[in-house]
Amino acid sequence: TLAAKYRLKGVHLNSRNPEANFKGEYWSHCSISRSCHSLEEVKEKKNNFDYVFLSPVFDSISKQGYAAEYTPEQIRQAAKDGIIDKRVIALGGIDEDNILQVKDYGFGGAAILGGLWNKFDLDHDYNYQNLIEHFRKLKRLAD
């Protein structure tokens, strides 16, 4: 596989690509993650992967019309029930305005896409320093 050929540190699976050929010594050093789009899917899949992503936790920044699927109460209850824990990464609509909620909810981390990419204009910005500084700011907020 390409993952083994290039000695990647991880492989991400989703509903379009739900399986990979996990044979050989290489896979013992590789983390395997999975996208989930419901709390039920997290509950079903979480124990089969090193970690899973749950989305959309908040309204998407980069995908128009892709709205949050969960209320704060649903997320808090899922954390109480052990569905959301340190092996579940929040995805969808995360930026400096809500990253502390992600931590408060009990997620193991946050995947930030639109909250970073909207800070950078690929056609005009050639210095990544502002993007790196913004990412560092988000990390400091989360720590």
Foldseek 3Di string as FASTA:
>chain_A
DVCVVVLPQEEEAEPVRHDDPQDDDSNVRHFYEYEDADLVVLVVCVVVGQAYEYDDCAAALPDPPRGHPDDLVRLLVCVVVVSAALRYEHEGDDAQVCLCVCVVSHHNYYDDDNNLVVVDDPVPDPDCVVSVVRVVVSVVSND
